[in-house]
Protein backbone atom coordinates (compact mmCIF):
# COMPACT_ATOMS: atom_id res chain seq x y z
CA MET A 1 -0.62 22.60 -7.13
CA PRO A 2 -2.61 20.73 -4.81
CA ARG A 3 -0.55 17.86 -4.95
CA TYR A 4 2.78 19.90 -4.53
CA LEU A 5 1.19 21.59 -1.03
CA GLU A 6 0.22 18.00 -0.03
CA LEU A 7 3.66 16.81 -0.22
CA TYR A 8 5.64 19.83 0.53
CA GLY A 9 3.47 21.78 2.38
CA ARG A 10 4.99 21.53 5.61
CA GLY A 11 8.68 21.66 4.62
CA ALA A 12 11.16 21.31 2.02
CA TYR A 13 10.92 17.33 1.83
CA ALA A 14 8.38 15.01 0.88
CA PRO A 15 7.14 12.62 3.73
CA LYS A 16 9.31 9.67 4.43
CA SER A 17 6.77 7.09 3.22
CA TYR A 18 6.66 9.22 -0.07
CA GLN A 19 10.43 9.22 -0.16
CA GLN A 20 10.74 5.50 0.94
CA ARG A 21 8.31 4.50 -2.02
CA ILE A 22 10.15 6.62 -4.57
CA THR A 23 13.40 5.11 -3.33
CA GLY A 24 12.15 1.63 -3.67
CA LEU A 25 10.93 2.02 -7.27
CA VAL A 26 14.23 3.59 -8.25
CA LYS A 27 16.15 1.00 -6.76
CA GLU A 28 14.12 -1.67 -8.77
CA LEU A 29 14.15 -0.21 -12.00
CA ALA A 30 18.11 0.50 -11.39
CA GLU A 31 18.44 -3.33 -10.61
CA ARG A 32 16.35 -4.32 -13.60
CA HIS A 33 18.43 -2.10 -16.09
CA GLY A 34 21.78 -2.57 -14.62
CA VAL A 35 22.55 0.81 -13.73
CA GLY A 36 24.34 2.02 -10.65
CA ARG A 37 26.81 0.39 -8.49
CA ALA A 38 26.12 -2.50 -6.04
CA THR A 39 26.87 -0.51 -2.96
CA PRO A 40 27.70 3.11 -1.94
CA ALA A 41 31.20 2.26 -1.62
CA MET A 42 31.60 0.90 -5.14
CA ALA A 43 30.62 4.07 -6.43
CA ARG A 44 33.29 6.11 -4.71
CA ARG A 45 36.03 3.83 -6.33
CA VAL A 46 37.94 4.75 -9.36
CA PRO A 47 38.70 2.03 -11.97
CA ARG A 48 42.36 0.83 -11.70
CA HIS A 49 42.70 1.20 -15.84
CA ARG A 50 41.41 3.59 -18.27
CA PRO A 51 39.77 1.97 -21.29
CA ALA A 52 41.86 2.37 -24.63
CA LEU A 53 41.50 5.53 -26.58
CA PRO A 54 39.23 4.90 -29.57
CA GLU A 55 41.16 5.20 -33.02
CA GLU A 56 41.41 8.42 -34.62
CA PRO A 57 38.18 9.48 -36.12
CA GLU A 58 37.57 10.07 -39.82
CA GLN A 59 36.79 13.29 -41.16
CA LEU A 60 33.91 13.06 -43.28
CA ARG A 61 33.75 14.94 -46.78
CA LEU A 62 30.67 17.16 -47.61
CA LEU A 63 29.39 16.34 -50.96
């Protein structure tokens, strides 16, 4: 609990320096793994077309 009090003892949010550090780490990992959108505006865009629906699934039988 000491770490929690260190980060949040004075309010609901972690200190700006800690927030910035975590934001940087998340951004780096997202870029490395190809996750997320390039910009906030891209995150709000809806794709123009929908992907094709998969074929009807095959019902497996119990043995």
